[in-house]
Amino acid sequence: MNSLLSPSARVRDCLATVERRWRGSRAQRAWQLWLDELRQCLPSGLRHRLGAPPQVQRHRWPFDAARLEAQPGARQVLLLPATLVMTHCLQLPAAAGRDLTAVVGYELDKYTPYPRDHLHYVVRQDGRSGGWLQITLVAIARERLQGILADCAVRGLTPECVDVCAQDGTPLGVDLLPASARPLNPHPGTGRRRVLVAACGVLLITLMAAWVNDRQQRLAAMRDTVHALKAQVAEVQQLRQQLANTQGAADYLSRRKRAQTTLAALLSELTACLPDDTWLDQLEVDAADVSMSGQSARASALIGRAKACRSLENPQFQGVIQPDPDTGKDRFALHARLHQEAADAPHADTP
């Protein structure tokens, strides 16, 4: 059926479907509240220039001829009693949400005693539960609706929306007005409202862009802070490593110092180890070696005596033993290595 329609007719049908779903929906009410809040934020002069939202004037059917007065500039809404329409609450699969009007239209004979061609109906989606959609179907006979609209035309009323009044007196938020009966430009302030809506959209996009820019700046600042903290942590780790190295070197030198034999202990041992007929002309002590030279009545026995010293290791003569004609003793030169003790070992001069 839709394939036989012209492209312009298809577009009108799509727009009419979108408008029916939009009118009276929760999204429309939230949008209107948001627009009202934005309008209140504007200066009074600009708010007056943009214009206030059009008033809504509701007329209940059947009319009271004495009270039927259409306010100029107001949106005219016709309210039908629930007894004139057929209302059904349906439950359809979620896949039917792509085109609820067409899906319900194929099965309209299941819910109404009239064929589809004799009815004008609208479908409203109330909610979703799991994989099912909660649907409200509102239908009215075309002849009855045309008669009501003809009566409105006779009384000089051009409704822009045909809603249904529920049992409790509240409108259902549907629109039974056919697309062919809709006025072309029902509101003279539509252009200004479109400008307002466009301005609100631009402000919203600007706000989102400013929010994104602020988030990016905060993220960049956090990254800079993290990089600075990482540099500080690296510097602290480097200083800690230097401190550990310095402390290790100091501990090593302290251990080496404690392990070496003191000069006083070495002289005491040499005095005890060397015989009384031996004296030294020269004594050199460095970090690990001891060199001595002098005269002795029995120089050949000095190696054995030097081995008895705990502070000396591997004593050896340097050169040959030569007799001194003046003293009648042997001149010698002796070299030995200092004994390295453990750091916790007692020294020779320790009692």
Protein backbone atom coordinates (compact mmCIF):
# COMPACT_ATOMS: atom_id res chain seq x y z
CA MET A 1 0.00 0.00 0.00
CA ASN A 2 2.82 2.40 0.89
CA SER A 3 4.57 1.62 -2.41
CA LEU A 4 1.68 3.27 -4.30
CA LEU A 5 2.06 6.57 -2.46
CA SER A 6 4.13 9.44 -3.81
CA PRO A 7 7.37 10.42 -2.03
CA SER A 8 5.75 13.59 -0.65
CA ALA A 9 2.87 11.56 0.75
CA ARG A 10 5.29 9.15 2.40
CA VAL A 11 7.15 12.03 3.98
CA ARG A 12 3.89 13.50 5.29
CA ASP A 13 2.86 10.14 6.70
CA CYS A 14 6.23 9.76 8.43
CA LEU A 15 6.04 13.27 9.85
CA ALA A 16 2.50 12.67 11.02
CA THR A 17 3.57 9.44 12.74
CA VAL A 18 6.49 11.17 14.44
CA GLU A 19 4.25 14.03 15.55
CA ARG A 20 1.65 11.65 16.97
CA ARG A 21 4.30 9.83 18.97
CA TRP A 22 5.89 13.07 20.10
CA ARG A 23 2.74 14.89 21.13
CA GLY A 24 1.83 14.21 24.75
CA SER A 25 4.84 11.95 25.35
CA ARG A 26 7.14 12.15 28.35
CA ALA A 27 9.95 13.38 26.15
CA GLN A 28 7.81 16.30 24.97
CA ARG A 29 6.89 17.24 28.52
CA ALA A 30 10.51 17.08 29.64
CA TRP A 31 11.56 19.14 26.61
CA GLN A 32 8.89 21.75 27.37
CA LEU A 33 9.97 21.99 31.01
CA TRP A 34 13.58 22.43 29.96
CA LEU A 35 12.62 25.14 27.48
CA ASP A 36 10.64 26.93 30.17
CA GLU A 37 13.65 26.85 32.48
CA LEU A 38 15.89 28.25 29.75
CA ARG A 39 13.32 30.92 28.92
CA GLN A 40 13.25 32.04 32.55
CA CYS A 41 17.04 32.50 32.44
CA LEU A 42 16.77 35.02 29.59
CA PRO A 43 16.39 38.78 30.16
CA SER A 44 12.83 40.02 30.28
CA GLY A 45 13.18 42.03 27.05
CA LEU A 46 14.55 39.11 25.09
CA ARG A 47 12.01 36.77 26.66
CA HIS A 48 9.21 39.10 25.59
CA ARG A 49 10.67 39.37 22.09
CA LEU A 50 10.88 35.63 21.67
CA GLY A 51 7.30 35.35 22.85
CA ALA A 52 5.63 33.25 25.46
CA PRO A 53 4.52 29.70 24.67
CA PRO A 54 1.05 29.53 23.12
CA GLN A 55 -1.80 28.89 25.46
CA VAL A 56 -3.86 25.73 25.18
CA GLN A 57 -7.64 25.97 25.10
CA ARG A 58 -9.49 22.69 25.53
CA HIS A 59 -13.07 22.10 24.37
CA ARG A 60 -15.04 19.10 25.57
CA TRP A 61 -17.40 17.30 23.24
CA PRO A 62 -20.38 17.70 23.07
CA PHE A 63 -20.13 21.48 22.92
CA ASP A 64 -21.91 23.98 25.06
CA ALA A 65 -22.97 26.53 22.44
CA ALA A 66 -23.15 29.33 24.98
CA ARG A 67 -19.55 28.82 26.10
CA LEU A 68 -17.82 27.99 22.81
CA GLU A 69 -15.38 30.84 22.32
CA ALA A 70 -11.99 30.36 20.72
CA GLN A 71 -9.25 32.50 22.17
CA PRO A 72 -7.09 34.12 19.49
CA GLY A 73 -3.55 32.77 19.39
CA ALA A 74 -4.38 29.80 21.64
CA ARG A 75 -3.90 26.19 20.62
CA GLN A 76 -7.30 24.59 20.20
CA VAL A 77 -7.63 21.05 21.56
CA LEU A 78 -10.79 18.99 21.26
CA LEU A 79 -11.45 16.49 24.05
CA LEU A 80 -13.68 13.52 23.25
CA PRO A 81 -15.33 11.46 25.97
CA ALA A 82 -14.12 7.92 26.49
CA THR A 83 -17.53 6.57 25.47
CA LEU A 84 -17.03 7.70 21.85
CA VAL A 85 -13.75 5.82 21.30
CA MET A 86 -12.46 2.31 21.75
CA THR A 87 -9.45 2.00 24.05
CA HIS A 88 -7.42 -1.20 24.48
CA CYS A 89 -4.21 -1.94 26.40
CA LEU A 90 -2.03 -4.31 24.38
CA GLN A 91 1.22 -6.13 24.87
CA LEU A 92 3.41 -6.64 21.80
CA PRO A 93 6.94 -7.98 21.26
CA ALA A 94 9.76 -5.44 21.30
CA ALA A 95 10.42 -6.07 17.61
CA ALA A 96 7.08 -4.43 16.80
CA GLY A 97 8.41 -1.09 18.05
CA ARG A 98 9.87 -0.30 14.63
CA ASP A 99 6.40 0.46 13.22
CA LEU A 100 3.71 0.08 15.85
CA THR A 101 1.01 1.72 13.72
CA ALA A 102 1.44 -0.76 10.88
CA VAL A 103 1.71 -3.80 13.17
CA VAL A 104 -1.43 -2.89 15.08
CA GLY A 105 -3.24 -2.01 11.84
CA TYR A 106 -2.76 -5.55 10.49
CA GLU A 107 -4.45 -7.01 13.58
CA LEU A 108 -7.02 -4.27 14.13
CA ASP A 109 -9.95 -6.59 13.49
CA LYS A 110 -8.96 -8.60 16.59
CA TYR A 111 -9.57 -5.65 18.90
CA THR A 112 -12.45 -3.76 17.23
CA PRO A 113 -15.70 -4.82 15.53
CA TYR A 114 -15.01 -2.52 12.56
CA PRO A 115 -12.76 -3.14 9.57
CA ARG A 116 -9.56 -1.18 9.29
CA ASP A 117 -10.83 1.08 6.51
CA HIS A 118 -13.70 2.32 8.69
CA LEU A 119 -11.53 3.30 11.65
CA HIS A 120 -9.09 6.03 12.50
CA TYR A 121 -6.72 4.94 15.25
CA VAL A 122 -3.55 5.96 17.04
CA VAL A 123 -1.06 3.87 19.00
CA ARG A 124 0.79 5.07 22.09
CA GLN A 125 3.72 3.26 23.65
CA ASP A 126 3.46 3.38 27.45
CA GLY A 127 6.52 1.42 28.50
CA ARG A 128 8.73 -1.62 28.09
CA SER A 129 8.85 -4.72 30.27
CA GLY A 130 11.52 -7.22 29.36
CA GLY A 131 11.03 -8.10 25.71
CA TRP A 132 7.49 -6.74 25.53
CA LEU A 133 5.98 -3.32 24.85
CA GLN A 134 3.00 -1.90 26.72
CA ILE A 135 0.72 -0.33 24.07
CA THR A 136 -2.46 1.75 24.29
CA LEU A 137 -4.72 1.57 21.22
CA VAL A 138 -7.30 4.35 20.74
CA ALA A 139 -9.69 4.00 17.76
CA ILE A 140 -12.80 5.82 16.54
CA ALA A 141 -15.08 5.34 13.56
CA ARG A 142 -14.12 7.59 10.66
CA GLU A 143 -17.72 8.67 10.03
CA ARG A 144 -18.17 9.68 13.67
CA LEU A 145 -14.89 11.63 13.70
CA GLN A 146 -15.75 13.36 10.42
CA GLY A 147 -19.14 14.36 11.82
CA ILE A 148 -17.52 15.83 14.92
CA LEU A 149 -15.00 17.79 12.83
CA ALA A 150 -17.80 19.01 10.56
CA ASP A 151 -19.71 20.25 13.60
CA CYS A 152 -16.56 22.06 14.77
CA ALA A 153 -16.22 23.73 11.37
CA VAL A 154 -19.83 24.89 11.52
CA ARG A 155 -19.21 26.47 14.93
CA GLY A 156 -16.02 28.18 13.68
CA LEU A 157 -13.64 25.96 15.62
CA THR A 158 -10.55 24.52 13.96
CA PRO A 159 -9.03 22.01 16.36
CA GLU A 160 -5.30 21.40 16.14
CA CYS A 161 -5.47 18.23 18.22
CA VAL A 162 -8.18 15.71 19.05
CA ASP A 163 -7.48 14.10 22.39
CA VAL A 164 -9.50 11.68 24.51
CA CYS A 165 -10.61 12.36 28.04
CA ALA A 166 -10.10 9.37 30.33
CA GLN A 167 -12.54 8.18 32.97
CA ASP A 168 -10.83 10.32 35.64
CA GLY A 169 -11.03 13.45 33.47
CA THR A 170 -7.36 13.64 32.42
CA PRO A 171 -6.36 13.69 28.73
CA LEU A 172 -4.73 10.55 27.37
CA GLY A 173 -2.16 12.56 25.41
CA VAL A 174 -3.06 11.19 21.96
CA ASP A 175 -4.06 12.94 18.76
CA LEU A 176 -6.89 11.48 16.66
CA LEU A 177 -6.89 14.38 14.22
CA PRO A 178 -6.24 13.10 10.65
CA ALA A 179 -3.26 14.53 8.81
CA SER A 180 -5.55 15.95 6.10
CA ALA A 181 -7.42 18.04 8.69
CA ARG A 182 -4.39 19.59 10.33
CA PRO A 183 -3.88 23.34 9.77
CA LEU A 184 -0.83 24.31 7.77
CA ASN A 185 0.44 26.95 10.19
CA PRO A 186 -1.55 26.70 13.42
CA HIS A 187 0.73 28.95 15.44
CA PRO A 188 1.99 32.31 14.23
CA GLY A 189 4.90 32.13 16.65
CA THR A 190 6.25 28.87 15.27
CA GLY A 191 9.21 30.59 13.59
CA ARG A 192 10.26 32.29 16.80
CA ARG A 193 9.94 29.07 18.72
CA ARG A 194 12.06 27.33 16.14
CA VAL A 195 14.68 30.02 16.57
CA LEU A 196 14.49 29.51 20.31
CA VAL A 197 14.80 25.76 19.92
CA ALA A 198 17.76 26.22 17.57
CA ALA A 199 19.38 28.62 20.03
CA CYS A 200 18.84 26.12 22.84
CA GLY A 201 20.42 23.42 20.69
CA VAL A 202 23.42 25.65 19.98
CA LEU A 203 23.73 26.47 23.69
CA LEU A 204 23.52 22.79 24.54
CA ILE A 205 26.23 21.89 22.05
CA THR A 206 28.37 24.79 23.31
CA LEU A 207 27.88 23.62 26.88
CA MET A 208 28.87 20.08 25.96
CA ALA A 209 31.93 21.33 24.08
CA ALA A 210 32.93 23.52 27.05
CA TRP A 211 32.47 20.55 29.39
CA VAL A 212 34.60 18.32 27.16
CA ASN A 213 37.25 21.05 26.90
CA ASP A 214 37.29 21.45 30.68
CA ARG A 215 37.64 17.71 31.13
CA GLN A 216 40.52 17.65 28.66
CA GLN A 217 42.26 20.50 30.46
CA ARG A 218 41.84 18.74 33.78
CA LEU A 219 43.17 15.53 32.26
CA ALA A 220 46.19 17.38 30.85
CA ALA A 221 46.82 18.98 34.27
CA MET A 222 46.57 15.58 35.95
CA ARG A 223 49.01 14.14 33.43
CA ASP A 224 51.47 16.97 34.11
CA THR A 225 51.11 16.38 37.85
CA VAL A 226 51.70 12.65 37.40
CA HIS A 227 54.81 13.32 35.29
CA ALA A 228 56.13 15.74 37.92
CA LEU A 229 55.48 13.21 40.69
CA LYS A 230 57.22 10.52 38.67
CA ALA A 231 60.25 12.79 38.23
CA GLN A 232 60.29 13.48 41.97
CA VAL A 233 60.01 9.78 42.74
CA ALA A 234 62.87 9.03 40.35
CA GLU A 235 64.98 11.75 42.01
CA VAL A 236 64.20 10.36 45.46
CA GLN A 237 65.09 6.86 44.33
CA GLN A 238 68.36 8.16 42.89
CA LEU A 239 69.18 9.94 46.14
CA ARG A 240 68.28 6.81 48.07
CA GLN A 241 70.59 4.77 45.87
CA GLN A 242 73.41 7.27 46.36
CA LEU A 243 72.84 7.20 50.11
CA ALA A 244 72.87 3.40 50.08
CA ASN A 245 76.11 3.40 48.06
CA THR A 246 77.73 5.94 50.38
CA GLN A 247 76.60 4.05 53.44
CA GLY A 248 77.91 0.82 51.93
CA ALA A 249 81.28 2.40 51.18
CA ALA A 250 81.48 3.82 54.70
CA ASP A 251 80.62 0.43 56.17
CA TYR A 252 83.24 -1.19 53.97
CA LEU A 253 85.93 1.28 55.05
CA SER A 254 84.91 0.84 58.67
CA ARG A 255 85.16 -2.93 58.35
CA ARG A 256 88.53 -2.64 56.64
CA LYS A 257 89.75 -0.33 59.35
CA ARG A 258 88.56 -2.67 62.08
CA ALA A 259 90.11 -5.65 60.27
CA GLN A 260 93.55 -4.07 59.98
CA THR A 261 96.04 -4.38 62.81
CA THR A 262 96.82 -1.11 64.54
CA LEU A 263 100.36 0.26 64.50
CA ALA A 264 100.67 -0.01 68.27
CA ALA A 265 99.64 -3.69 68.19
CA LEU A 266 102.11 -4.37 65.35
CA LEU A 267 105.01 -2.75 67.24
CA SER A 268 104.06 -4.71 70.33
CA GLU A 269 104.09 -8.00 68.42
CA LEU A 270 107.38 -7.19 66.67
CA THR A 271 108.97 -6.39 70.04
CA ALA A 272 107.81 -9.74 71.35
CA CYS A 273 108.70 -11.76 68.22
CA LEU A 274 112.13 -10.34 67.35
CA PRO A 275 115.06 -11.42 69.53
CA ASP A 276 116.87 -8.98 71.79
CA ASP A 277 120.00 -8.99 69.62
CA THR A 278 118.01 -7.54 66.71
CA TRP A 279 117.19 -3.94 66.05
CA LEU A 280 115.53 -2.18 63.16
CA ASP A 281 116.89 0.72 61.17
CA GLN A 282 113.73 1.21 59.05
CA LEU A 283 110.08 0.12 59.32
CA GLU A 284 107.46 0.86 56.62
CA VAL A 285 103.80 -0.10 57.03
CA ASP A 286 101.19 0.51 54.33
CA ALA A 287 97.68 -0.86 53.85
CA ALA A 288 98.70 -4.50 53.40
CA ASP A 289 102.52 -4.79 53.46
CA VAL A 290 105.27 -4.43 56.06
CA SER A 291 108.87 -3.77 55.09
CA MET A 292 111.67 -3.67 57.67
CA SER A 293 115.46 -3.57 57.59
CA GLY A 294 118.08 -3.73 60.33
CA GLN A 295 120.81 -5.83 61.92
CA SER A 296 120.67 -9.08 63.87
CA ALA A 297 123.15 -11.50 65.35
CA ARG A 298 121.13 -14.35 63.87
CA ALA A 299 119.42 -12.98 60.82
CA SER A 300 118.71 -16.41 59.31
CA ALA A 301 116.39 -17.22 62.21
CA LEU A 302 114.25 -14.11 61.72
CA ILE A 303 111.90 -15.85 59.25
CA GLY A 304 110.85 -18.36 61.86
CA ARG A 305 110.49 -15.65 64.48
CA ALA A 306 108.43 -13.50 62.11
CA LYS A 307 106.05 -16.39 61.39
CA ALA A 308 105.25 -16.47 65.10
CA CYS A 309 103.73 -12.97 64.78
CA ARG A 310 100.01 -13.17 64.18
CA SER A 311 99.97 -9.88 62.35
CA LEU A 312 102.47 -10.99 59.69
CA GLU A 313 101.95 -13.45 56.86
CA ASN A 314 104.42 -14.94 54.40
CA PRO A 315 107.61 -13.22 55.64
CA GLN A 316 110.46 -13.24 53.09
CA PHE A 317 113.94 -11.73 52.86
CA GLN A 318 114.55 -9.09 50.26
CA GLY A 319 117.99 -9.48 48.82
CA VAL A 320 120.81 -11.33 50.61
CA ILE A 321 122.01 -11.17 54.18
CA GLN A 322 125.28 -9.25 54.41
CA PRO A 323 127.57 -9.00 57.43
CA ASP A 324 128.33 -5.52 58.81
CA PRO A 325 132.09 -5.20 59.52
CA ASP A 326 131.54 -2.38 62.01
CA THR A 327 129.03 -4.17 64.26
CA GLY A 328 129.87 -7.76 63.42
CA LYS A 329 126.13 -8.49 62.85
CA ASP A 330 124.14 -9.44 59.75
CA ARG A 331 122.27 -6.73 57.84
CA PHE A 332 118.88 -7.90 56.52
CA ALA A 333 115.77 -6.63 54.72
CA LEU A 334 112.46 -8.40 55.44
CA HIS A 335 109.07 -8.10 53.72
CA ALA A 336 105.74 -9.55 54.94
CA ARG A 337 102.01 -9.06 54.43
CA LEU A 338 99.69 -7.85 57.13
CA HIS A 339 97.19 -10.36 58.41
CA GLN A 340 93.58 -9.23 57.70
CA GLU A 341 91.31 -10.11 60.59
CA ALA A 342 87.55 -10.28 60.60
CA ALA A 343 85.67 -7.17 61.66
CA ASP A 344 84.46 -8.80 64.89
CA ALA A 345 87.79 -10.53 65.74
CA PRO A 346 89.65 -9.27 68.81
CA HIS A 347 92.78 -7.16 68.19
CA ALA A 348 96.21 -8.03 69.49
CA ASP A 349 96.04 -5.20 72.03
CA THR A 350 92.54 -6.17 73.15
CA PRO A 351 92.65 -7.75 76.64
